[in-house]
Amino acid sequence: MKKINSEIIRRAVAHLCIEANIRLRKDVRAALSRAIKSETNPRAKRFLSQLLDNARIAQADKIALCQDTGLPTVFVEIGRDVNTQGLDMDRAIQKGIEDGYRKGFLRNSIVSDPLLRPQPPKFSPGVIHYDFGLYRGLRITVLPKGFGCENKTQLKMFTPTVPLEEIKKFIISVVKDSGPDACPPYVVGVGIGGSADQAVLLAKKALLRPLDKCSSLKHIASLEKDLLKKINQANIGPLGLGGRTTSLGVSVLTAPTHIAGLPVAVSISCHALRSASVYFK
């Protein structure tokens, strides 16, 4: 059984915070490159090229992709062979967030009280989600999501008899309501099922799936494809300049739910979809 100590966790999280904020994911870069080739709006095409330039400069100069370095969300997957006895995982992760944000010269954006909002803001705490499974090893993923796009999150509680077209209309309306405000082109995460809180979490987890991967469920993969097509017909385009690239991808995750309900949540990400992972075997 593997023994994981606080120092390993702290160093790993600190590294992931920096990595996610300065290095755009490969799948997102590839999606931007594909969008440049297919985009017909000259202004939109130029802006997409500038996004790739920004990513190259950020990585080369080791600076943040965006001034909003987000509220770090940390996903921890703990396998059956991992021994965490005596480990204060929460404390190690929060310390890692603070270390990473300080070392990477990333913006401190967190207020400890959401109503009183004391100043100055801090580097931590972030949000942590744990998952214990029958798999092996330990995986930690950091998703630093900016609030320009986080503020566009929506949840709707449908009745179970609602037609699929109504669900599609809701998801597309969330993107249209976001307009240019959350820095398109977007990546759209959708959570369907579970309880209200689980649907929102699924929507955010959906953003972690590589853009070149579709759902393993045939009907969900078809839904993702149709949503992407219709969203890109909205003509919002990169930074609201118009064009056929309003979204780089749509990912849908589902969960079992109650017979009397059908929660649907949408989590929007800006073009700077940032996440980084480490796996301990």
C-alpha atoms as a PDB file:
ATOM      1  CA  MET A   1       0.000   0.000   0.000  1.00  0.00           C
ATOM      2  CA  LYS A   2       1.387   3.385  -1.008  1.00  0.00           C
ATOM      3  CA  LYS A   3       2.132   5.906   1.735  1.00  0.00           C
ATOM      4  CA  ILE A   4       1.578   9.540   0.742  1.00  0.00           C
ATOM      5  CA  ASN A   5       2.837  12.302   2.991  1.00  0.00           C
ATOM      6  CA  SER A   6       1.937  15.976   3.289  1.00  0.00           C
ATOM      7  CA  GLU A   7       5.103  17.234   1.620  1.00  0.00           C
ATOM      8  CA  ILE A   8       4.446  15.204  -1.534  1.00  0.00           C
ATOM      9  CA  ILE A   9       0.913  16.604  -1.749  1.00  0.00           C
ATOM     10  CA  ARG A  10       1.993  20.164  -1.049  1.00  0.00           C
ATOM     11  CA  ARG A  11       4.714  20.164  -3.703  1.00  0.00           C
ATOM     12  CA  ALA A  12       2.465  18.485  -6.269  1.00  0.00           C
ATOM     13  CA  VAL A  13      -0.373  20.968  -5.823  1.00  0.00           C
ATOM     14  CA  ALA A  14       1.996  23.945  -5.917  1.00  0.00           C
ATOM     15  CA  HIS A  15       3.451  22.690  -9.213  1.00  0.00           C
ATOM     16  CA  LEU A  16      -0.002  22.056 -10.709  1.00  0.00           C
ATOM     17  CA  CYS A  17      -1.222  25.554  -9.811  1.00  0.00           C
ATOM     18  CA  ILE A  18       1.670  27.096 -11.732  1.00  0.00           C
ATOM     19  CA  GLU A  19       1.493  24.603 -14.608  1.00  0.00           C
ATOM     20  CA  ALA A  20      -2.232  25.073 -15.162  1.00  0.00           C
ATOM     21  CA  ASN A  21      -2.002  28.852 -15.125  1.00  0.00           C
ATOM     22  CA  ILE A  22       0.920  29.284 -17.519  1.00  0.00           C
ATOM     23  CA  ARG A  23       0.533  26.360 -19.941  1.00  0.00           C
ATOM     24  CA  LEU A  24      -2.588  26.063 -22.083  1.00  0.00           C
ATOM     25  CA  ARG A  25      -3.768  22.471 -22.413  1.00  0.00           C
ATOM     26  CA  LYS A  26      -2.638  20.671 -25.578  1.00  0.00           C
ATOM     27  CA  ASP A  27      -6.183  19.752 -26.547  1.00  0.00           C
ATOM     28  CA  VAL A  28      -7.278  23.387 -26.260  1.00  0.00           C
ATOM     29  CA  ARG A  29      -4.345  24.577 -28.377  1.00  0.00           C
ATOM     30  CA  ALA A  30      -5.194  21.959 -30.987  1.00  0.00           C
ATOM     31  CA  ALA A  31      -8.846  23.038 -30.976  1.00  0.00           C
ATOM     32  CA  LEU A  32      -7.821  26.676 -31.492  1.00  0.00           C
ATOM     33  CA  SER A  33      -5.604  25.657 -34.411  1.00  0.00           C
ATOM     34  CA  ARG A  34      -8.492  23.765 -36.017  1.00  0.00           C
ATOM     35  CA  ALA A  35     -10.779  26.736 -35.483  1.00  0.00           C
ATOM     36  CA  ILE A  36      -8.360  29.066 -37.266  1.00  0.00           C
ATOM     37  CA  LYS A  37      -8.456  26.820 -40.341  1.00  0.00           C
ATOM     38  CA  SER A  38     -12.247  26.646 -40.443  1.00  0.00           C
ATOM     39  CA  GLU A  39     -13.062  30.230 -39.427  1.00  0.00           C
ATOM     40  CA  THR A  40     -14.244  32.490 -42.274  1.00  0.00           C
ATOM     41  CA  ASN A  41     -14.570  35.765 -40.361  1.00  0.00           C
ATOM     42  CA  PRO A  42     -11.236  37.630 -40.810  1.00  0.00           C
ATOM     43  CA  ARG A  43     -11.438  39.421 -37.454  1.00  0.00           C
ATOM     44  CA  ALA A  44     -12.326  36.215 -35.650  1.00  0.00           C
ATOM     45  CA  LYS A  45      -9.501  34.355 -37.383  1.00  0.00           C
ATOM     46  CA  ARG A  46      -7.025  37.046 -36.339  1.00  0.00           C
ATOM     47  CA  PHE A  47      -8.176  36.937 -32.734  1.00  0.00           C
ATOM     48  CA  LEU A  48      -7.884  33.146 -32.612  1.00  0.00           C
ATOM     49  CA  SER A  49      -4.301  33.481 -33.831  1.00  0.00           C
ATOM     50  CA  GLN A  50      -3.647  36.011 -31.078  1.00  0.00           C
ATOM     51  CA  LEU A  51      -4.922  33.537 -28.491  1.00  0.00           C
ATOM     52  CA  LEU A  52      -2.335  31.015 -29.648  1.00  0.00           C
ATOM     53  CA  ASP A  53       0.338  33.742 -29.563  1.00  0.00           C
ATOM     54  CA  ASN A  54      -0.710  34.558 -26.001  1.00  0.00           C
ATOM     55  CA  ALA A  55      -0.393  30.891 -25.033  1.00  0.00           C
ATOM     56  CA  ARG A  56       3.092  30.631 -26.551  1.00  0.00           C
ATOM     57  CA  ILE A  57       4.281  33.792 -24.785  1.00  0.00           C
ATOM     58  CA  ALA A  58       2.811  32.725 -21.427  1.00  0.00           C
ATOM     59  CA  GLN A  59       4.524  29.347 -21.603  1.00  0.00           C
ATOM     60  CA  ALA A  60       7.866  30.751 -22.794  1.00  0.00           C
ATOM     61  CA  ASP A  61       7.976  33.577 -20.250  1.00  0.00           C
ATOM     62  CA  LYS A  62       6.355  31.528 -17.444  1.00  0.00           C
ATOM     63  CA  ILE A  63       3.602  34.077 -16.867  1.00  0.00           C
ATOM     64  CA  ALA A  64      -0.120  33.642 -16.392  1.00  0.00           C
ATOM     65  CA  LEU A  65      -2.289  33.048 -19.461  1.00  0.00           C
ATOM     66  CA  CYS A  66      -4.870  35.413 -17.974  1.00  0.00           C
ATOM     67  CA  GLN A  67      -4.799  38.009 -15.218  1.00  0.00           C
ATOM     68  CA  ASP A  68      -7.704  36.194 -13.535  1.00  0.00           C
ATOM     69  CA  THR A  69      -5.937  33.141 -12.165  1.00  0.00           C
ATOM     70  CA  GLY A  70      -9.208  31.843 -10.816  1.00  0.00           C
ATOM     71  CA  LEU A  71     -10.488  30.074  -7.756  1.00  0.00           C
ATOM     72  CA  PRO A  72      -8.494  26.810  -7.712  1.00  0.00           C
ATOM     73  CA  THR A  73     -10.693  23.728  -7.733  1.00  0.00           C
ATOM     74  CA  VAL A  74      -8.804  20.564  -6.811  1.00  0.00           C
ATOM     75  CA  PHE A  75     -10.062  17.091  -7.713  1.00  0.00           C
ATOM     76  CA  VAL A  76      -8.468  14.250  -5.729  1.00  0.00           C
ATOM     77  CA  GLU A  77      -8.987  10.637  -6.827  1.00  0.00           C
ATOM     78  CA  ILE A  78      -7.758   8.206  -4.167  1.00  0.00           C
ATOM     79  CA  GLY A  79      -7.314   4.551  -5.103  1.00  0.00           C
ATOM     80  CA  ARG A  80      -7.672   1.509  -2.880  1.00  0.00           C
ATOM     81  CA  ASP A  81      -3.906   1.026  -2.510  1.00  0.00           C
ATOM     82  CA  VAL A  82      -3.177   4.536  -1.203  1.00  0.00           C
ATOM     83  CA  ASN A  83      -2.520   4.974   2.520  1.00  0.00           C
ATOM     84  CA  THR A  84      -3.537   8.436   3.740  1.00  0.00           C
ATOM     85  CA  GLN A  85      -3.568   7.543   7.423  1.00  0.00           C
ATOM     86  CA  GLY A  86      -2.378  10.441   9.542  1.00  0.00           C
ATOM     87  CA  LEU A  87      -2.361  12.785   6.541  1.00  0.00           C
ATOM     88  CA  ASP A  88      -4.219  16.099   6.754  1.00  0.00           C
ATOM     89  CA  MET A  89      -4.963  16.185   3.031  1.00  0.00           C
ATOM     90  CA  ASP A  90      -6.972  19.407   3.151  1.00  0.00           C
ATOM     91  CA  ARG A  91      -4.181  21.304   4.892  1.00  0.00           C
ATOM     92  CA  ALA A  92      -1.513  19.989   2.525  1.00  0.00           C
ATOM     93  CA  ILE A  93      -3.564  20.963  -0.542  1.00  0.00           C
ATOM     94  CA  GLN A  94      -4.364  24.458   0.733  1.00  0.00           C
ATOM     95  CA  LYS A  95      -0.704  25.001   1.605  1.00  0.00           C
ATOM     96  CA  GLY A  96       0.242  23.821  -1.875  1.00  0.00           C
ATOM     97  CA  ILE A  97      -2.187  26.300  -3.454  1.00  0.00           C
ATOM     98  CA  GLU A  98      -0.698  29.152  -1.466  1.00  0.00           C
ATOM     99  CA  ASP A  99       2.872  28.103  -2.262  1.00  0.00           C
ATOM    100  CA  GLY A 100       2.141  27.729  -5.972  1.00  0.00           C
ATOM    101  CA  TYR A 101       0.342  31.032  -6.337  1.00  0.00           C
ATOM    102  CA  ARG A 102       3.100  32.887  -4.490  1.00  0.00           C
ATOM    103  CA  LYS A 103       5.942  31.210  -6.374  1.00  0.00           C
ATOM    104  CA  GLY A 104       4.234  31.662  -9.746  1.00  0.00           C
ATOM    105  CA  PHE A 105       3.407  35.342  -9.059  1.00  0.00           C
ATOM    106  CA  LEU A 106      -0.260  34.535  -9.641  1.00  0.00           C
ATOM    107  CA  ARG A 107      -3.022  36.890  -8.538  1.00  0.00           C
ATOM    108  CA  ASN A 108      -4.470  36.522  -5.048  1.00  0.00           C
ATOM    109  CA  SER A 109      -8.224  36.604  -5.675  1.00  0.00           C
ATOM    110  CA  ILE A 110      -9.859  34.847  -2.714  1.00  0.00           C
ATOM    111  CA  VAL A 111     -11.829  36.578   0.041  1.00  0.00           C
ATOM    112  CA  SER A 112     -12.370  34.594   3.235  1.00  0.00           C
ATOM    113  CA  ASP A 113     -15.891  35.910   3.866  1.00  0.00           C
ATOM    114  CA  PRO A 114     -18.205  36.157   0.829  1.00  0.00           C
ATOM    115  CA  LEU A 115     -20.287  38.983   2.344  1.00  0.00           C
ATOM    116  CA  LEU A 116     -17.860  41.072   4.412  1.00  0.00           C
ATOM    117  CA  ARG A 117     -15.088  40.632   1.790  1.00  0.00           C
ATOM    118  CA  PRO A 118     -12.101  41.681   3.926  1.00  0.00           C
ATOM    119  CA  GLN A 119      -9.068  43.118   2.178  1.00  0.00           C
ATOM    120  CA  PRO A 120      -6.594  42.249   0.882  1.00  0.00           C
ATOM    121  CA  PRO A 121      -7.618  39.038  -0.935  1.00  0.00           C
ATOM    122  CA  LYS A 122      -5.691  35.836  -0.224  1.00  0.00           C
ATOM    123  CA  PHE A 123      -4.180  32.989  -2.272  1.00  0.00           C
ATOM    124  CA  SER A 124      -6.269  30.299  -0.584  1.00  0.00           C
ATOM    125  CA  PRO A 125      -8.395  28.390   0.312  1.00  0.00           C
ATOM    126  CA  GLY A 126      -9.447  26.664  -2.859  1.00  0.00           C
ATOM    127  CA  VAL A 127     -12.275  24.177  -3.359  1.00  0.00           C
ATOM    128  CA  ILE A 128     -11.531  20.457  -2.934  1.00  0.00           C
ATOM    129  CA  HIS A 129     -13.487  17.437  -4.165  1.00  0.00           C
ATOM    130  CA  TYR A 130     -12.550  13.876  -3.156  1.00  0.00           C
ATOM    131  CA  ASP A 131     -13.356  10.649  -4.960  1.00  0.00           C
ATOM    132  CA  PHE A 132     -12.495   7.239  -3.496  1.00  0.00           C
ATOM    133  CA  GLY A 133     -12.559   4.330  -5.947  1.00  0.00           C
ATOM    134  CA  LEU A 134     -11.415   0.794  -6.660  1.00  0.00           C
ATOM    135  CA  TYR A 135      -8.738   2.038  -9.060  1.00  0.00           C
ATOM    136  CA  ARG A 136      -5.080   2.234  -8.053  1.00  0.00           C
ATOM    137  CA  GLY A 137      -2.884   5.183  -7.277  1.00  0.00           C
ATOM    138  CA  LEU A 138      -3.607   8.825  -6.561  1.00  0.00           C
ATOM    139  CA  ARG A 139      -4.519  11.489  -9.110  1.00  0.00           C
ATOM    140  CA  ILE A 140      -4.673  15.216  -8.328  1.00  0.00           C
ATOM    141  CA  THR A 141      -6.111  17.685 -10.825  1.00  0.00           C
ATOM    142  CA  VAL A 142      -6.141  21.462 -10.427  1.00  0.00           C
ATOM    143  CA  LEU A 143      -8.684  23.539 -12.352  1.00  0.00           C
ATOM    144  CA  PRO A 144      -8.158  27.294 -11.781  1.00  0.00           C
ATOM    145  CA  LYS A 145     -11.384  28.697 -13.252  1.00  0.00           C
ATOM    146  CA  GLY A 146     -11.750  32.439 -13.650  1.00  0.00           C
ATOM    147  CA  PHE A 147     -14.970  34.058 -12.531  1.00  0.00           C
ATOM    148  CA  GLY A 148     -15.770  35.854 -15.765  1.00  0.00           C
ATOM    149  CA  CYS A 149     -16.976  32.465 -16.966  1.00  0.00           C
ATOM    150  CA  GLU A 150     -17.794  30.915 -13.567  1.00  0.00           C
ATOM    151  CA  ASN A 151     -20.420  33.630 -13.074  1.00  0.00           C
ATOM    152  CA  LYS A 152     -22.274  32.293 -16.135  1.00  0.00           C
ATOM    153  CA  THR A 153     -23.010  28.914 -14.499  1.00  0.00           C
ATOM    154  CA  GLN A 154     -26.683  27.981 -14.582  1.00  0.00           C
ATOM    155  CA  LEU A 155     -28.831  25.173 -13.188  1.00  0.00           C
ATOM    156  CA  LYS A 156     -32.359  24.270 -14.195  1.00  0.00           C
ATOM    157  CA  MET A 157     -34.590  21.630 -12.647  1.00  0.00           C
ATOM    158  CA  PHE A 158     -36.607  20.052 -15.459  1.00  0.00           C
ATOM    159  CA  THR A 159     -39.483  17.612 -15.124  1.00  0.00           C
ATOM    160  CA  PRO A 160     -38.584  14.110 -16.319  1.00  0.00           C
ATOM    161  CA  THR A 161     -41.074  14.296 -19.196  1.00  0.00           C
ATOM    162  CA  VAL A 162     -39.460  17.316 -20.822  1.00  0.00           C
ATOM    163  CA  PRO A 163     -38.509  16.796 -24.497  1.00  0.00           C
ATOM    164  CA  LEU A 164     -34.800  16.629 -25.260  1.00  0.00           C
ATOM    165  CA  GLU A 165     -35.189  19.695 -27.467  1.00  0.00           C
ATOM    166  CA  GLU A 166     -36.125  21.772 -24.419  1.00  0.00           C
ATOM    167  CA  ILE A 167     -32.949  20.686 -22.654  1.00  0.00           C
ATOM    168  CA  LYS A 168     -30.931  21.653 -25.727  1.00  0.00           C
ATOM    169  CA  LYS A 169     -32.624  25.056 -25.849  1.00  0.00           C
ATOM    170  CA  PHE A 170     -31.688  25.689 -22.225  1.00  0.00           C
ATOM    171  CA  ILE A 171     -28.030  24.771 -22.746  1.00  0.00           C
ATOM    172  CA  ILE A 172     -27.788  26.906 -25.885  1.00  0.00           C
ATOM    173  CA  SER A 173     -29.543  29.803 -24.128  1.00  0.00           C
ATOM    174  CA  VAL A 174     -26.896  29.770 -21.377  1.00  0.00           C
ATOM    175  CA  VAL A 175     -24.220  30.279 -24.036  1.00  0.00           C
ATOM    176  CA  LYS A 176     -26.228  32.994 -25.779  1.00  0.00           C
ATOM    177  CA  ASP A 177     -26.852  34.771 -22.467  1.00  0.00           C
ATOM    178  CA  SER A 178     -23.100  34.729 -21.847  1.00  0.00           C
ATOM    179  CA  GLY A 179     -22.573  36.501 -25.162  1.00  0.00           C
ATOM    180  CA  PRO A 180     -19.071  37.993 -25.329  1.00  0.00           C
ATOM    181  CA  ASP A 181     -18.878  38.575 -21.557  1.00  0.00           C
ATOM    182  CA  ALA A 182     -17.005  35.403 -20.571  1.00  0.00           C
ATOM    183  CA  CYS A 183     -14.325  35.561 -23.291  1.00  0.00           C
ATOM    184  CA  PRO A 184     -15.387  33.174 -26.066  1.00  0.00           C
ATOM    185  CA  PRO A 185     -14.722  30.834 -27.753  1.00  0.00           C
ATOM    186  CA  TYR A 186     -16.132  28.764 -24.941  1.00  0.00           C
ATOM    187  CA  VAL A 187     -15.824  25.215 -23.762  1.00  0.00           C
ATOM    188  CA  VAL A 188     -19.216  24.114 -22.483  1.00  0.00           C
ATOM    189  CA  GLY A 189     -19.509  21.583 -19.673  1.00  0.00           C
ATOM    190  CA  VAL A 190     -22.933  20.038 -19.032  1.00  0.00           C
ATOM    191  CA  GLY A 191     -24.086  17.915 -16.107  1.00  0.00           C
ATOM    192  CA  ILE A 192     -27.357  15.991 -16.382  1.00  0.00           C
ATOM    193  CA  GLY A 193     -28.921  13.991 -13.570  1.00  0.00           C
ATOM    194  CA  GLY A 194     -28.105  13.329  -9.950  1.00  0.00           C
ATOM    195  CA  SER A 195     -29.220  15.975  -7.458  1.00  0.00           C
ATOM    196  CA  ALA A 196     -28.964  19.705  -8.073  1.00  0.00           C
ATOM    197  CA  ASP A 197     -25.526  19.971  -6.463  1.00  0.00           C
ATOM    198  CA  GLN A 198     -24.232  16.873  -8.256  1.00  0.00           C
ATOM    199  CA  ALA A 199     -25.377  18.186 -11.646  1.00  0.00           C
ATOM    200  CA  VAL A 200     -23.350  21.382 -11.133  1.00  0.00           C
ATOM    201  CA  LEU A 201     -20.303  19.365 -10.095  1.00  0.00           C
ATOM    202  CA  LEU A 202     -20.692  17.095 -13.141  1.00  0.00           C
ATOM    203  CA  ALA A 203     -20.815  20.156 -15.396  1.00  0.00           C
ATOM    204  CA  LYS A 204     -17.504  21.383 -14.007  1.00  0.00           C
ATOM    205  CA  LYS A 205     -15.926  17.922 -14.174  1.00  0.00           C
ATOM    206  CA  ALA A 206     -16.976  17.735 -17.828  1.00  0.00           C
ATOM    207  CA  LEU A 207     -14.519  20.548 -18.553  1.00  0.00           C
ATOM    208  CA  LEU A 208     -11.655  18.233 -17.606  1.00  0.00           C
ATOM    209  CA  ARG A 209     -12.322  15.837 -20.475  1.00  0.00           C
ATOM    210  CA  PRO A 210     -10.005  16.369 -23.478  1.00  0.00           C
ATOM    211  CA  LEU A 211     -11.720  18.185 -26.328  1.00  0.00           C
ATOM    212  CA  ASP A 212     -10.753  15.480 -28.802  1.00  0.00           C
ATOM    213  CA  LYS A 213     -12.697  12.883 -26.801  1.00  0.00           C
ATOM    214  CA  CYS A 214     -16.442  12.413 -26.986  1.00  0.00           C
ATOM    215  CA  SER A 215     -18.720  10.562 -24.588  1.00  0.00           C
ATOM    216  CA  SER A 216     -18.526   6.775 -24.605  1.00  0.00           C
ATOM    217  CA  LEU A 217     -22.346   6.744 -24.580  1.00  0.00           C
ATOM    218  CA  LYS A 218     -23.672   6.907 -28.127  1.00  0.00           C
ATOM    219  CA  HIS A 219     -26.729   9.059 -27.355  1.00  0.00           C
ATOM    220  CA  ILE A 220     -24.661  11.495 -25.286  1.00  0.00           C
ATOM    221  CA  ALA A 221     -21.966  11.751 -27.971  1.00  0.00           C
ATOM    222  CA  SER A 222     -24.726  12.578 -30.465  1.00  0.00           C
ATOM    223  CA  LEU A 223     -26.077  15.229 -28.087  1.00  0.00           C
ATOM    224  CA  GLU A 224     -22.623  16.795 -27.711  1.00  0.00           C
ATOM    225  CA  LYS A 225     -22.168  16.959 -31.478  1.00  0.00           C
ATOM    226  CA  ASP A 226     -25.571  18.538 -32.053  1.00  0.00           C
ATOM    227  CA  LEU A 227     -25.096  21.104 -29.274  1.00  0.00           C
ATOM    228  CA  LEU A 228     -21.699  22.150 -30.621  1.00  0.00           C
ATOM    229  CA  LYS A 229     -23.132  22.624 -34.104  1.00  0.00           C
ATOM    230  CA  LYS A 230     -26.050  24.735 -32.882  1.00  0.00           C
ATOM    231  CA  ILE A 231     -23.952  26.802 -30.473  1.00  0.00           C
ATOM    232  CA  ASN A 232     -21.544  27.662 -33.275  1.00  0.00           C
ATOM    233  CA  GLN A 233     -24.481  28.873 -35.337  1.00  0.00           C
ATOM    234  CA  ALA A 234     -25.134  31.571 -32.727  1.00  0.00           C
ATOM    235  CA  ASN A 235     -22.581  33.831 -34.488  1.00  0.00           C
ATOM    236  CA  ILE A 236     -21.153  35.157 -31.220  1.00  0.00           C
ATOM    237  CA  GLY A 237     -17.670  34.144 -32.308  1.00  0.00           C
ATOM    238  CA  PRO A 238     -14.307  34.817 -30.649  1.00  0.00           C
ATOM    239  CA  LEU A 239     -14.594  37.750 -28.241  1.00  0.00           C
ATOM    240  CA  GLY A 240     -18.043  38.453 -29.682  1.00  0.00           C
ATOM    241  CA  LEU A 241     -16.615  39.424 -33.077  1.00  0.00           C
ATOM    242  CA  GLY A 242     -18.913  37.067 -34.959  1.00  0.00           C
ATOM    243  CA  GLY A 243     -17.989  33.974 -36.893  1.00  0.00           C
ATOM    244  CA  ARG A 244     -18.463  30.248 -36.613  1.00  0.00           C
ATOM    245  CA  THR A 245     -16.283  29.660 -33.528  1.00  0.00           C
ATOM    246  CA  THR A 246     -18.431  30.385 -30.500  1.00  0.00           C
ATOM    247  CA  SER A 247     -17.460  27.104 -28.828  1.00  0.00           C
ATOM    248  CA  LEU A 248     -14.425  24.845 -29.082  1.00  0.00           C
ATOM    249  CA  GLY A 249     -16.227  21.874 -27.600  1.00  0.00           C
ATOM    250  CA  VAL A 250     -19.147  20.544 -25.575  1.00  0.00           C
ATOM    251  CA  SER A 251     -18.754  17.811 -22.946  1.00  0.00           C
ATOM    252  CA  VAL A 252     -21.692  16.166 -21.201  1.00  0.00           C
ATOM    253  CA  LEU A 253     -21.567  13.979 -18.078  1.00  0.00           C
ATOM    254  CA  THR A 254     -24.593  12.188 -16.663  1.00  0.00           C
ATOM    255  CA  ALA A 255     -25.585  10.479 -13.415  1.00  0.00           C
ATOM    256  CA  PRO A 256     -28.573   8.460 -12.178  1.00  0.00           C
ATOM    257  CA  THR A 257     -31.345  10.651 -10.810  1.00  0.00           C
ATOM    258  CA  HIS A 258     -34.751  10.543  -9.125  1.00  0.00           C
ATOM    259  CA  ILE A 259     -37.840   9.469 -11.059  1.00  0.00           C
ATOM    260  CA  ALA A 260     -39.471  12.851 -10.379  1.00  0.00           C
ATOM    261  CA  GLY A 261     -36.685  15.140 -11.558  1.00  0.00           C
ATOM    262  CA  LEU A 262     -34.122  15.989 -14.199  1.00  0.00           C
ATOM    263  CA  PRO A 263     -31.429  18.488 -13.093  1.00  0.00           C
ATOM    264  CA  VAL A 264     -29.387  20.085 -15.884  1.00  0.00           C
ATOM    265  CA  ALA A 265     -26.390  22.319 -15.162  1.00  0.00           C
ATOM    266  CA  VAL A 266     -24.127  24.256 -17.511  1.00  0.00           C
ATOM    267  CA  SER A 267     -20.590  25.348 -16.657  1.00  0.00           C
ATOM    268  CA  ILE A 268     -18.993  27.741 -19.133  1.00  0.00           C
ATOM    269  CA  SER A 269     -15.235  28.016 -19.553  1.00  0.00           C
ATOM    270  CA  CYS A 270     -13.508  30.811 -21.414  1.00  0.00           C
ATOM    271  CA  HIS A 271     -10.998  30.025 -24.169  1.00  0.00           C
ATOM    272  CA  ALA A 272      -8.279  29.749 -21.509  1.00  0.00           C
ATOM    273  CA  LEU A 273      -9.471  26.387 -20.198  1.00  0.00           C
ATOM    274  CA  ARG A 274      -6.754  25.572 -17.683  1.00  0.00           C
ATOM    275  CA  SER A 275      -6.158  22.355 -15.820  1.00  0.00           C
ATOM    276  CA  ALA A 276      -3.204  20.175 -14.910  1.00  0.00           C
ATOM    277  CA  SER A 277      -2.923  16.720 -13.347  1.00  0.00           C
ATOM    278  CA  VAL A 278      -0.399  14.477 -11.665  1.00  0.00           C
ATOM    279  CA  TYR A 279      -0.704  10.748 -11.080  1.00  0.00           C
ATOM    280  CA  PHE A 280       1.088   8.802  -8.394  1.00  0.00           C
ATOM    281  CA  LYS A 281       1.227   5.077  -9.255  1.00  0.00           C
END
